[in-house]
PDB file of N, CA and C in Angstrom:
ATOM      1  N   UNK A   1      -2.009 -24.742 -21.243  1.00  0.00           N
ATOM      2  CA  UNK A   1      -0.756 -23.205 -21.680  1.00  0.00           C
ATOM      3  C   UNK A   1      -1.790 -21.620 -21.692  1.00  0.00           C
ATOM      4  N   UNK A   2      -1.290 -20.929 -20.894  1.00  0.00           N
ATOM      5  CA  UNK A   2      -2.044 -19.851 -21.025  1.00  0.00           C
ATOM      6  C   UNK A   2      -1.929 -18.969 -21.923  1.00  0.00           C
ATOM      7  N   UNK A   3      -1.338 -19.045 -22.884  1.00  0.00           N
ATOM      8  CA  UNK A   3      -1.136 -18.201 -24.616  1.00  0.00           C
ATOM      9  C   UNK A   3       0.034 -17.284 -24.493  1.00  0.00           C
ATOM     10  N   UNK A   4       0.540 -17.020 -23.279  1.00  0.00           N
ATOM     11  CA  UNK A   4       1.396 -16.067 -23.279  1.00  0.00           C
ATOM     12  C   UNK A   4       2.827 -16.603 -23.274  1.00  0.00           C
ATOM     13  N   UNK A   5       3.454 -16.036 -23.951  1.00  0.00           N
ATOM     14  CA  UNK A   5       5.184 -15.895 -23.855  1.00  0.00           C
ATOM     15  C   UNK A   5       6.040 -16.354 -22.375  1.00  0.00           C
ATOM     16  N   UNK A   6       6.835 -16.754 -22.523  1.00  0.00           N
ATOM     17  CA  UNK A   6       7.772 -17.824 -21.044  1.00  0.00           C
ATOM     18  C   UNK A   6       8.343 -16.481 -20.594  1.00  0.00           C
ATOM     19  N   UNK A   7       8.869 -15.650 -21.393  1.00  0.00           N
ATOM     20  CA  UNK A   7       9.760 -14.114 -21.335  1.00  0.00           C
ATOM     21  C   UNK A   7       8.686 -13.340 -20.272  1.00  0.00           C
ATOM     22  N   UNK A   8       7.573 -13.249 -20.823  1.00  0.00           N
ATOM     23  CA  UNK A   8       6.689 -12.452 -20.067  1.00  0.00           C
ATOM     24  C   UNK A   8       6.148 -13.009 -18.738  1.00  0.00           C
ATOM     25  N   UNK A   9       5.951 -14.166 -19.043  1.00  0.00           N
ATOM     26  CA  UNK A   9       5.589 -14.897 -17.555  1.00  0.00           C
ATOM     27  C   UNK A   9       6.629 -14.801 -16.602  1.00  0.00           C
ATOM     28  N   UNK A  10       8.079 -14.810 -17.454  1.00  0.00           N
ATOM     29  CA  UNK A  10       9.197 -14.958 -16.293  1.00  0.00           C
ATOM     30  C   UNK A  10       9.263 -13.281 -15.560  1.00  0.00           C
ATOM     31  N   UNK A  11       9.250 -12.206 -16.588  1.00  0.00           N
ATOM     32  CA  UNK A  11       9.301 -10.739 -16.230  1.00  0.00           C
ATOM     33  C   UNK A  11       8.055 -10.558 -15.155  1.00  0.00           C
ATOM     34  N   UNK A  12       7.087 -10.914 -15.421  1.00  0.00           N
ATOM     35  CA  UNK A  12       5.899 -10.539 -14.524  1.00  0.00           C
ATOM     36  C   UNK A  12       6.362 -11.152 -12.977  1.00  0.00           C
ATOM     37  N   UNK A  13       6.975 -12.838 -12.823  1.00  0.00           N
ATOM     38  CA  UNK A  13       7.137 -13.124 -12.249  1.00  0.00           C
ATOM     39  C   UNK A  13       8.052 -12.465 -11.045  1.00  0.00           C
ATOM     40  N   UNK A  14       9.161 -12.059 -11.948  1.00  0.00           N
ATOM     41  CA  UNK A  14      10.413 -11.433 -10.881  1.00  0.00           C
ATOM     42  C   UNK A  14       9.657  -9.802 -10.680  1.00  0.00           C
ATOM     43  N   UNK A  15       9.168  -9.097 -10.932  1.00  0.00           N
ATOM     44  CA  UNK A  15       8.387  -8.442 -10.741  1.00  0.00           C
ATOM     45  C   UNK A  15       7.026  -8.444  -9.722  1.00  0.00           C
ATOM     46  N   UNK A  16       6.842  -9.243  -9.628  1.00  0.00           N
ATOM     47  CA  UNK A  16       5.423  -9.981  -8.262  1.00  0.00           C
ATOM     48  C   UNK A  16       6.616 -10.641  -7.179  1.00  0.00           C
ATOM     49  N   UNK A  17       7.474 -10.960  -7.054  1.00  0.00           N
ATOM     50  CA  UNK A  17       8.725 -11.514  -6.197  1.00  0.00           C
ATOM     51  C   UNK A  17       9.240 -10.144  -5.746  1.00  0.00           C
ATOM     52  N   UNK A  18       9.775  -9.179  -6.541  1.00  0.00           N
ATOM     53  CA  UNK A  18      10.154  -7.964  -6.188  1.00  0.00           C
ATOM     54  C   UNK A  18       9.151  -7.262  -5.062  1.00  0.00           C
ATOM     55  N   UNK A  19       7.992  -7.353  -5.838  1.00  0.00           N
ATOM     56  CA  UNK A  19       7.162  -6.702  -5.136  1.00  0.00           C
ATOM     57  C   UNK A  19       6.766  -7.381  -3.406  1.00  0.00           C
ATOM     58  N   UNK A  20       6.664  -8.470  -3.257  1.00  0.00           N
ATOM     59  CA  UNK A  20       6.618  -9.105  -2.217  1.00  0.00           C
ATOM     60  C   UNK A  20       7.814  -8.743  -0.996  1.00  0.00           C
ATOM     61  N   UNK A  21       9.261  -8.825  -1.682  1.00  0.00           N
ATOM     62  CA  UNK A  21      10.390  -8.606  -1.502  1.00  0.00           C
ATOM     63  C   UNK A  21       9.821  -7.165  -0.097  1.00  0.00           C
ATOM     64  N   UNK A  22       9.521  -6.037  -1.686  1.00  0.00           N
ATOM     65  CA  UNK A  22       9.707  -4.931  -0.614  1.00  0.00           C
ATOM     66  C   UNK A  22       8.882  -4.899   0.410  1.00  0.00           C
ATOM     67  N   UNK A  23       7.451  -5.290   0.229  1.00  0.00           N
ATOM     68  CA  UNK A  23       6.421  -5.541   1.523  1.00  0.00           C
ATOM     69  C   UNK A  23       6.740  -6.270   2.602  1.00  0.00           C
ATOM     70  N   UNK A  24       7.332  -7.129   2.192  1.00  0.00           N
ATOM     71  CA  UNK A  24       8.451  -7.684   3.804  1.00  0.00           C
ATOM     72  C   UNK A  24       9.165  -6.645   4.318  1.00  0.00           C
ATOM     73  N   UNK A  25      10.230  -5.367   3.344  1.00  0.00           N
ATOM     74  CA  UNK A  25      11.108  -4.842   3.552  1.00  0.00           C
ATOM     75  C   UNK A  25      10.232  -3.986   4.632  1.00  0.00           C
ATOM     76  N   UNK A  26       9.291  -3.540   3.986  1.00  0.00           N
ATOM     77  CA  UNK A  26       8.416  -2.420   4.324  1.00  0.00           C
ATOM     78  C   UNK A  26       7.712  -2.464   5.719  1.00  0.00           C
ATOM     79  N   UNK A  27       7.606  -3.778   5.393  1.00  0.00           N
ATOM     80  CA  UNK A  27       6.967  -4.642   7.648  1.00  0.00           C
ATOM     81  C   UNK A  27       8.201  -4.497   8.588  1.00  0.00           C
ATOM     82  N   UNK A  28       9.436  -4.912   7.696  1.00  0.00           N
ATOM     83  CA  UNK A  28      10.054  -5.021   9.055  1.00  0.00           C
ATOM     84  C   UNK A  28      11.227  -3.557   9.242  1.00  0.00           C
ATOM     85  N   UNK A  29      11.295  -2.652   8.703  1.00  0.00           N
ATOM     86  CA  UNK A  29      11.141  -1.596   8.679  1.00  0.00           C
ATOM     87  C   UNK A  29      10.342  -0.555   9.682  1.00  0.00           C
ATOM     88  N   UNK A  30       9.166  -0.921   9.059  1.00  0.00           N
ATOM     89  CA  UNK A  30       8.205  -0.636  10.077  1.00  0.00           C
ATOM     90  C   UNK A  30       8.506  -1.044  11.671  1.00  0.00           C
ATOM     91  N   UNK A  31       8.627  -2.099  11.866  1.00  0.00           N
ATOM     92  CA  UNK A  31       8.903  -3.121  13.068  1.00  0.00           C
ATOM     93  C   UNK A  31       9.987  -2.184  13.545  1.00  0.00           C
ATOM     94  N   UNK A  32      11.206  -1.861  12.796  1.00  0.00           N
ATOM     95  CA  UNK A  32      12.311  -1.779  13.616  1.00  0.00           C
ATOM     96  C   UNK A  32      12.648  -0.687  14.147  1.00  0.00           C
ATOM     97  N   UNK A  33      11.512   0.932  13.124  1.00  0.00           N
ATOM     98  CA  UNK A  33      11.267   2.013  13.883  1.00  0.00           C
ATOM     99  C   UNK A  33      11.028   2.107  15.287  1.00  0.00           C
ATOM    100  N   UNK A  34      11.313   3.097  16.077  1.00  0.00           N
ATOM    101  CA  UNK A  34      11.185   3.440  17.501  1.00  0.00           C
ATOM    102  C   UNK A  34       9.967   3.784  17.645  1.00  0.00           C
ATOM    103  N   UNK A  35       9.660   5.604  16.863  1.00  0.00           N
ATOM    104  CA  UNK A  35       8.685   6.103  17.367  1.00  0.00           C
ATOM    105  C   UNK A  35       8.101   6.249  15.751  1.00  0.00           C
ATOM    106  N   UNK A  36       6.597   6.887  16.160  1.00  0.00           N
ATOM    107  CA  UNK A  36       6.188   7.258  15.119  1.00  0.00           C
ATOM    108  C   UNK A  36       6.690   8.107  13.899  1.00  0.00           C
ATOM    109  N   UNK A  37       7.451   8.922  14.429  1.00  0.00           N
ATOM    110  CA  UNK A  37       7.102  10.119  13.028  1.00  0.00           C
ATOM    111  C   UNK A  37       8.776   9.412  12.320  1.00  0.00           C
ATOM    112  N   UNK A  38       9.565   8.459  13.169  1.00  0.00           N
ATOM    113  CA  UNK A  38      10.448   7.813  12.573  1.00  0.00           C
ATOM    114  C   UNK A  38      10.061   6.975  11.248  1.00  0.00           C
ATOM    115  N   UNK A  39       8.567   5.969  11.609  1.00  0.00           N
ATOM    116  CA  UNK A  39       7.967   4.817  11.363  1.00  0.00           C
ATOM    117  C   UNK A  39       6.980   5.546   9.831  1.00  0.00           C
ATOM    118  N   UNK A  40       7.299   7.219   9.425  1.00  0.00           N
ATOM    119  CA  UNK A  40       6.032   7.542   8.659  1.00  0.00           C
ATOM    120  C   UNK A  40       7.105   7.342   7.197  1.00  0.00           C
ATOM    121  N   UNK A  41       8.379   7.974   7.149  1.00  0.00           N
ATOM    122  CA  UNK A  41       8.975   7.749   5.513  1.00  0.00           C
ATOM    123  C   UNK A  41       9.334   5.959   5.222  1.00  0.00           C
ATOM    124  N   UNK A  42      10.593   5.913   5.935  1.00  0.00           N
ATOM    125  CA  UNK A  42      11.280   4.809   5.088  1.00  0.00           C
ATOM    126  C   UNK A  42      10.383   3.611   4.744  1.00  0.00           C
ATOM    127  N   UNK A  43       9.453   3.138   5.328  1.00  0.00           N
ATOM    128  CA  UNK A  43       8.700   1.716   5.138  1.00  0.00           C
ATOM    129  C   UNK A  43       7.261   2.382   4.102  1.00  0.00           C
ATOM    130  N   UNK A  44       7.158   3.961   3.816  1.00  0.00           N
ATOM    131  CA  UNK A  44       6.582   3.880   2.791  1.00  0.00           C
ATOM    132  C   UNK A  44       7.034   4.102   1.581  1.00  0.00           C
ATOM    133  N   UNK A  45       8.445   4.203   1.273  1.00  0.00           N
ATOM    134  CA  UNK A  45       8.839   4.201  -0.103  1.00  0.00           C
ATOM    135  C   UNK A  45       9.138   2.304  -0.709  1.00  0.00           C
ATOM    136  N   UNK A  46       8.947   1.842   0.423  1.00  0.00           N
ATOM    137  CA  UNK A  46       9.414   0.284   0.095  1.00  0.00           C
ATOM    138  C   UNK A  46       8.013  -0.488  -0.295  1.00  0.00           C
ATOM    139  N   UNK A  47       7.035   0.024   0.522  1.00  0.00           N
ATOM    140  CA  UNK A  47       5.951  -0.231   0.117  1.00  0.00           C
ATOM    141  C   UNK A  47       5.029   0.632  -1.374  1.00  0.00           C
ATOM    142  N   UNK A  48       5.764   1.564  -1.661  1.00  0.00           N
ATOM    143  CA  UNK A  48       5.441   2.170  -2.747  1.00  0.00           C
ATOM    144  C   UNK A  48       5.835   1.633  -3.848  1.00  0.00           C
ATOM    145  N   UNK A  49       6.980   1.093  -3.646  1.00  0.00           N
ATOM    146  CA  UNK A  49       7.754   0.158  -4.711  1.00  0.00           C
ATOM    147  C   UNK A  49       7.010  -0.937  -4.875  1.00  0.00           C
ATOM    148  N   UNK A  50       6.436  -1.476  -3.778  1.00  0.00           N
ATOM    149  CA  UNK A  50       5.562  -2.808  -3.546  1.00  0.00           C
ATOM    150  C   UNK A  50       4.189  -2.575  -4.783  1.00  0.00           C
ATOM    151  N   UNK A  51       3.943  -1.861  -4.472  1.00  0.00           N
ATOM    152  CA  UNK A  51       2.877  -1.197  -5.668  1.00  0.00           C
ATOM    153  C   UNK A  51       2.905  -0.826  -6.728  1.00  0.00           C
ATOM    154  N   UNK A  52       4.090  -0.130  -6.952  1.00  0.00           N
ATOM    155  CA  UNK A  52       4.054  -0.122  -8.562  1.00  0.00           C
ATOM    156  C   UNK A  52       4.404  -1.598  -9.273  1.00  0.00           C
ATOM    157  N   UNK A  53       5.433  -1.687  -8.512  1.00  0.00           N
ATOM    158  CA  UNK A  53       5.982  -3.651  -8.802  1.00  0.00           C
ATOM    159  C   UNK A  53       4.605  -4.340  -9.468  1.00  0.00           C
ATOM    160  N   UNK A  54       4.178  -4.528  -8.962  1.00  0.00           N
ATOM    161  CA  UNK A  54       2.833  -5.427  -8.543  1.00  0.00           C
ATOM    162  C   UNK A  54       1.720  -4.761 -10.009  1.00  0.00           C
ATOM    163  N   UNK A  55       1.763  -3.681 -10.098  1.00  0.00           N
ATOM    164  CA  UNK A  55       0.871  -3.188 -11.154  1.00  0.00           C
ATOM    165  C   UNK A  55       1.423  -2.899 -12.548  1.00  0.00           C
ATOM    166  N   UNK A  56       3.039  -3.128 -12.303  1.00  0.00           N
ATOM    167  CA  UNK A  56       3.623  -3.319 -13.868  1.00  0.00           C
ATOM    168  C   UNK A  56       3.781  -4.909 -14.505  1.00  0.00           C
ATOM    169  N   UNK A  57       3.484  -5.813 -13.084  1.00  0.00           N
ATOM    170  CA  UNK A  57       3.841  -6.529 -13.434  1.00  0.00           C
ATOM    171  C   UNK A  57       1.991  -7.123 -14.042  1.00  0.00           C
ATOM    172  N   UNK A  58       1.141  -6.398 -13.626  1.00  0.00           N
ATOM    173  CA  UNK A  58      -0.263  -6.951 -13.868  1.00  0.00           C
ATOM    174  C   UNK A  58      -0.445  -6.033 -15.685  1.00  0.00           C
ATOM    175  N   UNK A  59       0.138  -4.855 -15.483  1.00  0.00           N
ATOM    176  CA  UNK A  59       0.056  -4.438 -16.996  1.00  0.00           C
ATOM    177  C   UNK A  59       1.015  -5.084 -17.715  1.00  0.00           C
ATOM    178  N   UNK A  60       2.082  -5.771 -17.772  1.00  0.00           N
ATOM    179  CA  UNK A  60       2.651  -7.030 -19.108  1.00  0.00           C
ATOM    180  C   UNK A  60       2.074  -7.948 -18.851  1.00  0.00           C
ATOM    181  N   UNK A  61       1.442  -8.546 -17.983  1.00  0.00           N
ATOM    182  CA  UNK A  61       0.975  -9.948 -18.244  1.00  0.00           C
ATOM    183  C   UNK A  61      -0.498  -9.828 -19.129  1.00  0.00           C
ATOM    184  N   UNK A  62      -0.906  -9.166 -18.953  1.00  0.00           N
ATOM    185  CA  UNK A  62      -2.243  -9.188 -18.905  1.00  0.00           C
ATOM    186  C   UNK A  62      -2.599  -8.239 -20.550  1.00  0.00           C
ATOM    187  N   UNK A  63      -1.560  -7.502 -20.736  1.00  0.00           N
ATOM    188  CA  UNK A  63      -1.102  -6.901 -21.992  1.00  0.00           C
ATOM    189  C   UNK A  63      -0.868  -7.803 -23.023  1.00  0.00           C
ATOM    190  N   UNK A  64      -0.089  -8.815 -22.281  1.00  0.00           N
ATOM    191  CA  UNK A  64       0.901  -9.971 -23.426  1.00  0.00           C
ATOM    192  C   UNK A  64      -0.415 -10.976 -23.380  1.00  0.00           C
ATOM    193  N   UNK A  65      -1.541 -11.355 -22.572  1.00  0.00           N
ATOM    194  CA  UNK A  65      -2.419 -11.898 -22.222  1.00  0.00           C
ATOM    195  C   UNK A  65      -3.681 -11.628 -23.828  1.00  0.00           C
ATOM    196  N   UNK A  66      -4.293 -10.393 -23.965  1.00  0.00           N
ATOM    197  CA  UNK A  66      -5.126  -9.663 -24.232  1.00  0.00           C
ATOM    198  C   UNK A  66      -4.381  -9.363 -26.133  1.00  0.00           C
ATOM    199  N   UNK A  67      -3.231  -9.465 -25.639  1.00  0.00           N
ATOM    200  CA  UNK A  67      -2.607  -8.629 -27.386  1.00  0.00           C
ATOM    201  C   UNK A  67      -2.908  -7.620 -27.507  1.00  0.00           C
ATOM    202  N   UNK A  68      -3.605  -6.566 -26.431  1.00  0.00           N
ATOM    203  CA  UNK A  68      -3.383  -5.167 -26.370  1.00  0.00           C
ATOM    204  C   UNK A  68      -3.035  -4.599 -25.106  1.00  0.00           C
ATOM    205  N   UNK A  69      -3.400  -3.609 -25.355  1.00  0.00           N
ATOM    206  CA  UNK A  69      -2.759  -2.797 -23.879  1.00  0.00           C
ATOM    207  C   UNK A  69      -3.803  -2.355 -22.665  1.00  0.00           C
ATOM    208  N   UNK A  70      -3.580  -3.198 -21.815  1.00  0.00           N
ATOM    209  CA  UNK A  70      -4.220  -3.176 -20.371  1.00  0.00           C
ATOM    210  C   UNK A  70      -4.072  -1.851 -19.937  1.00  0.00           C
ATOM    211  N   UNK A  71      -4.589  -0.966 -19.463  1.00  0.00           N
ATOM    212  CA  UNK A  71      -3.879  -0.184 -18.594  1.00  0.00           C
ATOM    213  C   UNK A  71      -4.416   0.769 -17.361  1.00  0.00           C
ATOM    214  N   UNK A  72      -5.612   0.024 -17.453  1.00  0.00           N
ATOM    215  CA  UNK A  72      -6.894   0.129 -16.352  1.00  0.00           C
ATOM    216  C   UNK A  72      -6.266  -0.243 -15.001  1.00  0.00           C
ATOM    217  N   UNK A  73      -5.123  -0.948 -14.938  1.00  0.00           N
ATOM    218  CA  UNK A  73      -4.154  -0.803 -13.622  1.00  0.00           C
ATOM    219  C   UNK A  73      -3.726   0.076 -13.140  1.00  0.00           C
ATOM    220  N   UNK A  74      -3.548   1.143 -13.811  1.00  0.00           N
ATOM    221  CA  UNK A  74      -2.818   2.484 -13.883  1.00  0.00           C
ATOM    222  C   UNK A  74      -3.435   3.093 -12.642  1.00  0.00           C
ATOM    223  N   UNK A  75      -4.764   2.919 -12.591  1.00  0.00           N
ATOM    224  CA  UNK A  75      -5.684   3.573 -11.559  1.00  0.00           C
ATOM    225  C   UNK A  75      -5.467   3.602 -10.267  1.00  0.00           C
ATOM    226  N   UNK A  76      -4.767   2.446 -10.069  1.00  0.00           N
ATOM    227  CA  UNK A  76      -4.698   2.034  -8.700  1.00  0.00           C
ATOM    228  C   UNK A  76      -2.825   2.914  -8.099  1.00  0.00           C
ATOM    229  N   UNK A  77      -1.866   3.132  -9.053  1.00  0.00           N
ATOM    230  CA  UNK A  77      -0.590   4.106  -8.113  1.00  0.00           C
ATOM    231  C   UNK A  77      -1.433   5.359  -8.417  1.00  0.00           C
ATOM    232  N   UNK A  78      -2.055   5.684  -9.443  1.00  0.00           N
ATOM    233  CA  UNK A  78      -2.373   6.957  -9.424  1.00  0.00           C
ATOM    234  C   UNK A  78      -3.275   7.293  -8.147  1.00  0.00           C
ATOM    235  N   UNK A  79      -4.598   6.936  -7.877  1.00  0.00           N
ATOM    236  CA  UNK A  79      -4.880   7.428  -6.837  1.00  0.00           C
ATOM    237  C   UNK A  79      -3.968   7.025  -5.428  1.00  0.00           C
ATOM    238  N   UNK A  80      -3.236   5.768  -5.632  1.00  0.00           N
ATOM    239  CA  UNK A  80      -2.120   6.147  -4.005  1.00  0.00           C
ATOM    240  C   UNK A  80      -1.062   7.182  -4.393  1.00  0.00           C
ATOM    241  N   UNK A  81      -0.905   8.079  -5.358  1.00  0.00           N
ATOM    242  CA  UNK A  81       0.269   9.086  -5.822  1.00  0.00           C
ATOM    243  C   UNK A  81      -0.302  10.200  -4.486  1.00  0.00           C
ATOM    244  N   UNK A  82      -2.142  10.508  -5.331  1.00  0.00           N
ATOM    245  CA  UNK A  82      -2.880  11.594  -4.335  1.00  0.00           C
ATOM    246  C   UNK A  82      -3.347  11.178  -3.438  1.00  0.00           C
ATOM    247  N   UNK A  83      -3.307  10.020  -2.692  1.00  0.00           N
ATOM    248  CA  UNK A  83      -3.978   9.703  -1.279  1.00  0.00           C
ATOM    249  C   UNK A  83      -3.090   9.644  -0.158  1.00  0.00           C
ATOM    250  N   UNK A  84      -2.168   8.794  -0.633  1.00  0.00           N
ATOM    251  CA  UNK A  84      -0.986   8.926   0.289  1.00  0.00           C
ATOM    252  C   UNK A  84       0.109  10.193   1.134  1.00  0.00           C
ATOM    253  N   UNK A  85       0.094  10.688   0.426  1.00  0.00           N
ATOM    254  CA  UNK A  85       1.253  12.054   0.549  1.00  0.00           C
ATOM    255  C   UNK A  85      -0.050  13.494   1.325  1.00  0.00           C
ATOM    256  N   UNK A  86      -1.542  12.864   1.337  1.00  0.00           N
ATOM    257  CA  UNK A  86      -2.475  13.631   1.713  1.00  0.00           C
ATOM    258  C   UNK A  86      -2.556  12.741   3.040  1.00  0.00           C
ATOM    259  N   UNK A  87      -2.867  11.879   3.719  1.00  0.00           N
ATOM    260  CA  UNK A  87      -3.136  10.529   4.550  1.00  0.00           C
ATOM    261  C   UNK A  87      -1.662  11.075   5.528  1.00  0.00           C
ATOM    262  N   UNK A  88      -0.468  10.740   5.018  1.00  0.00           N
ATOM    263  CA  UNK A  88       0.540  11.126   5.555  1.00  0.00           C
ATOM    264  C   UNK A  88       0.687  12.495   6.226  1.00  0.00           C
ATOM    265  N   UNK A  89       0.239  13.623   5.793  1.00  0.00           N
ATOM    266  CA  UNK A  89       0.329  14.562   6.265  1.00  0.00           C
ATOM    267  C   UNK A  89      -0.714  14.648   7.174  1.00  0.00           C
ATOM    268  N   UNK A  90      -2.083  14.510   7.382  1.00  0.00           N
ATOM    269  CA  UNK A  90      -3.188  14.755   8.389  1.00  0.00           C
ATOM    270  C   UNK A  90      -2.402  13.790   9.629  1.00  0.00           C
ATOM    271  N   UNK A  91      -1.524  12.681   9.544  1.00  0.00           N
ATOM    272  CA  UNK A  91      -1.679  11.882  10.738  1.00  0.00           C
ATOM    273  C   UNK A  91      -0.454  12.660  10.736  1.00  0.00           C
ATOM    274  N   UNK A  92       0.652  12.805  10.326  1.00  0.00           N
ATOM    275  CA  UNK A  92       1.394  13.519  10.969  1.00  0.00           C
ATOM    276  C   UNK A  92       1.255  14.584  12.009  1.00  0.00           C
ATOM    277  N   UNK A  93       0.577  15.820  11.648  1.00  0.00           N
ATOM    278  CA  UNK A  93      -0.298  16.735  11.682  1.00  0.00           C
ATOM    279  C   UNK A  93      -1.074  15.812  13.418  1.00  0.00           C
ATOM    280  N   UNK A  94      -1.490  14.919  13.427  1.00  0.00           N
ATOM    281  CA  UNK A  94      -2.688  14.438  14.478  1.00  0.00           C
ATOM    282  C   UNK A  94      -1.615  14.427  15.534  1.00  0.00           C
ATOM    283  N   UNK A  95      -0.441  13.394  15.197  1.00  0.00           N
ATOM    284  CA  UNK A  95       0.938  13.168  15.858  1.00  0.00           C
ATOM    285  C   UNK A  95       1.274  14.516  16.500  1.00  0.00           C
ATOM    286  N   UNK A  96       1.639  15.626  15.844  1.00  0.00           N
ATOM    287  CA  UNK A  96       2.207  16.711  16.250  1.00  0.00           C
ATOM    288  C   UNK A  96       1.214  17.212  17.577  1.00  0.00           C
ATOM    289  N   UNK A  97       0.232  17.777  17.518  1.00  0.00           N
ATOM    290  CA  UNK A  97      -0.817  18.071  18.017  1.00  0.00           C
ATOM    291  C   UNK A  97      -1.050  17.194  19.278  1.00  0.00           C
ATOM    292  N   UNK A  98      -1.060  16.060  19.263  1.00  0.00           N
ATOM    293  CA  UNK A  98      -1.171  14.757  20.584  1.00  0.00           C
ATOM    294  C   UNK A  98       0.193  15.241  21.287  1.00  0.00           C
ATOM    295  N   UNK A  99       1.154  15.280  20.602  1.00  0.00           N
ATOM    296  CA  UNK A  99       2.630  15.708  21.274  1.00  0.00           C
ATOM    297  C   UNK A  99       2.095  17.022  22.004  1.00  0.00           C
ATOM    298  N   UNK A 100       2.167  17.984  21.587  1.00  0.00           N
ATOM    299  CA  UNK A 100       1.811  19.449  21.955  1.00  0.00           C
ATOM    300  C   UNK A 100       1.041  19.179  23.140  1.00  0.00           C
ATOM    301  N   UNK A 101       0.120  18.811  23.160  1.00  0.00           N
ATOM    302  CA  UNK A 101      -1.033  18.402  23.876  1.00  0.00           C
ATOM    303  C   UNK A 101      -0.351  17.741  25.581  1.00  0.00           C
ATOM    304  N   UNK A 102       0.358  16.581  24.864  1.00  0.00           N
ATOM    305  CA  UNK A 102       0.809  16.175  26.457  1.00  0.00           C
ATOM    306  C   UNK A 102       2.489  16.780  26.919  1.00  0.00           C
ATOM    307  N   UNK A 103       2.824  18.168  26.284  1.00  0.00           N
ATOM    308  CA  UNK A 103       3.944  19.079  26.814  1.00  0.00           C
ATOM    309  C   UNK A 103       5.151  18.166  25.980  1.00  0.00           C
ATOM    310  N   UNK A 104       5.246  17.598  25.013  1.00  0.00           N
ATOM    311  CA  UNK A 104       6.436  16.793  24.234  1.00  0.00           C
ATOM    312  C   UNK A 104       6.934  18.086  24.060  1.00  0.00           C
ATOM    313  N   UNK A 105       8.613  18.023  23.213  1.00  0.00           N
ATOM    314  CA  UNK A 105       9.221  19.050  22.348  1.00  0.00           C
ATOM    315  C   UNK A 105       9.055  18.945  21.483  1.00  0.00           C
ATOM    316  N   UNK A 106       8.618  19.416  20.633  1.00  0.00           N
ATOM    317  CA  UNK A 106       8.503  19.317  18.982  1.00  0.00           C
ATOM    318  C   UNK A 106       8.105  20.516  18.477  1.00  0.00           C
ATOM    319  N   UNK A 107       8.692  20.469  17.128  1.00  0.00           N
ATOM    320  CA  UNK A 107       8.682  21.688  17.045  1.00  0.00           C
ATOM    321  C   UNK A 107       7.240  22.888  16.963  1.00  0.00           C
ATOM    322  N   UNK A 108       7.736  24.135  17.375  1.00  0.00           N
ATOM    323  CA  UNK A 108       6.236  25.171  17.539  1.00  0.00           C
ATOM    324  C   UNK A 108       5.596  25.182  16.119  1.00  0.00           C
ATOM    325  N   UNK A 109       4.436  25.904  16.724  1.00  0.00           N
ATOM    326  CA  UNK A 109       3.315  25.792  15.720  1.00  0.00           C
ATOM    327  C   UNK A 109       3.865  27.087  14.778  1.00  0.00           C
ATOM    328  N   UNK A 110       3.605  27.167  13.402  1.00  0.00           N
ATOM    329  CA  UNK A 110       4.026  28.048  12.458  1.00  0.00           C
ATOM    330  C   UNK A 110       3.118  29.378  12.727  1.00  0.00           C
ATOM    331  N   UNK A 111       3.776  30.688  12.734  1.00  0.00           N
ATOM    332  CA  UNK A 111       3.189  31.928  13.315  1.00  0.00           C
ATOM    333  C   UNK A 111       3.281  32.178  14.564  1.00  0.00           C
ATOM    334  N   UNK A 112       3.743  31.239  15.619  1.00  0.00           N
ATOM    335  CA  UNK A 112       3.624  31.261  17.113  1.00  0.00           C
ATOM    336  C   UNK A 112       5.093  31.078  17.622  1.00  0.00           C
TER     337      UNK A 112
END
């Protein structure tokens, strides 16, 4: 036995399963979308929830195991919250640039 109360293990298990389901939903949403721009936003929301649920499960379980707050897992969602919007913006701008070079009807550049 791990020395962790059963209710803590149950909460952590529910969060891990929710995280896995959100990751599957995110993947299926990514496959259903037809264009690059449609694929950018909805799967990001589901995958963000998946990360948060997994981190919360980790914090709850290991805090109960150590009998002290274990908060270093917060680094993962904090770094994701910083880097994901930047990466998404760069990918969107690169896709718009490529579309413009192909002559597609995309929003005009700012200031022009």
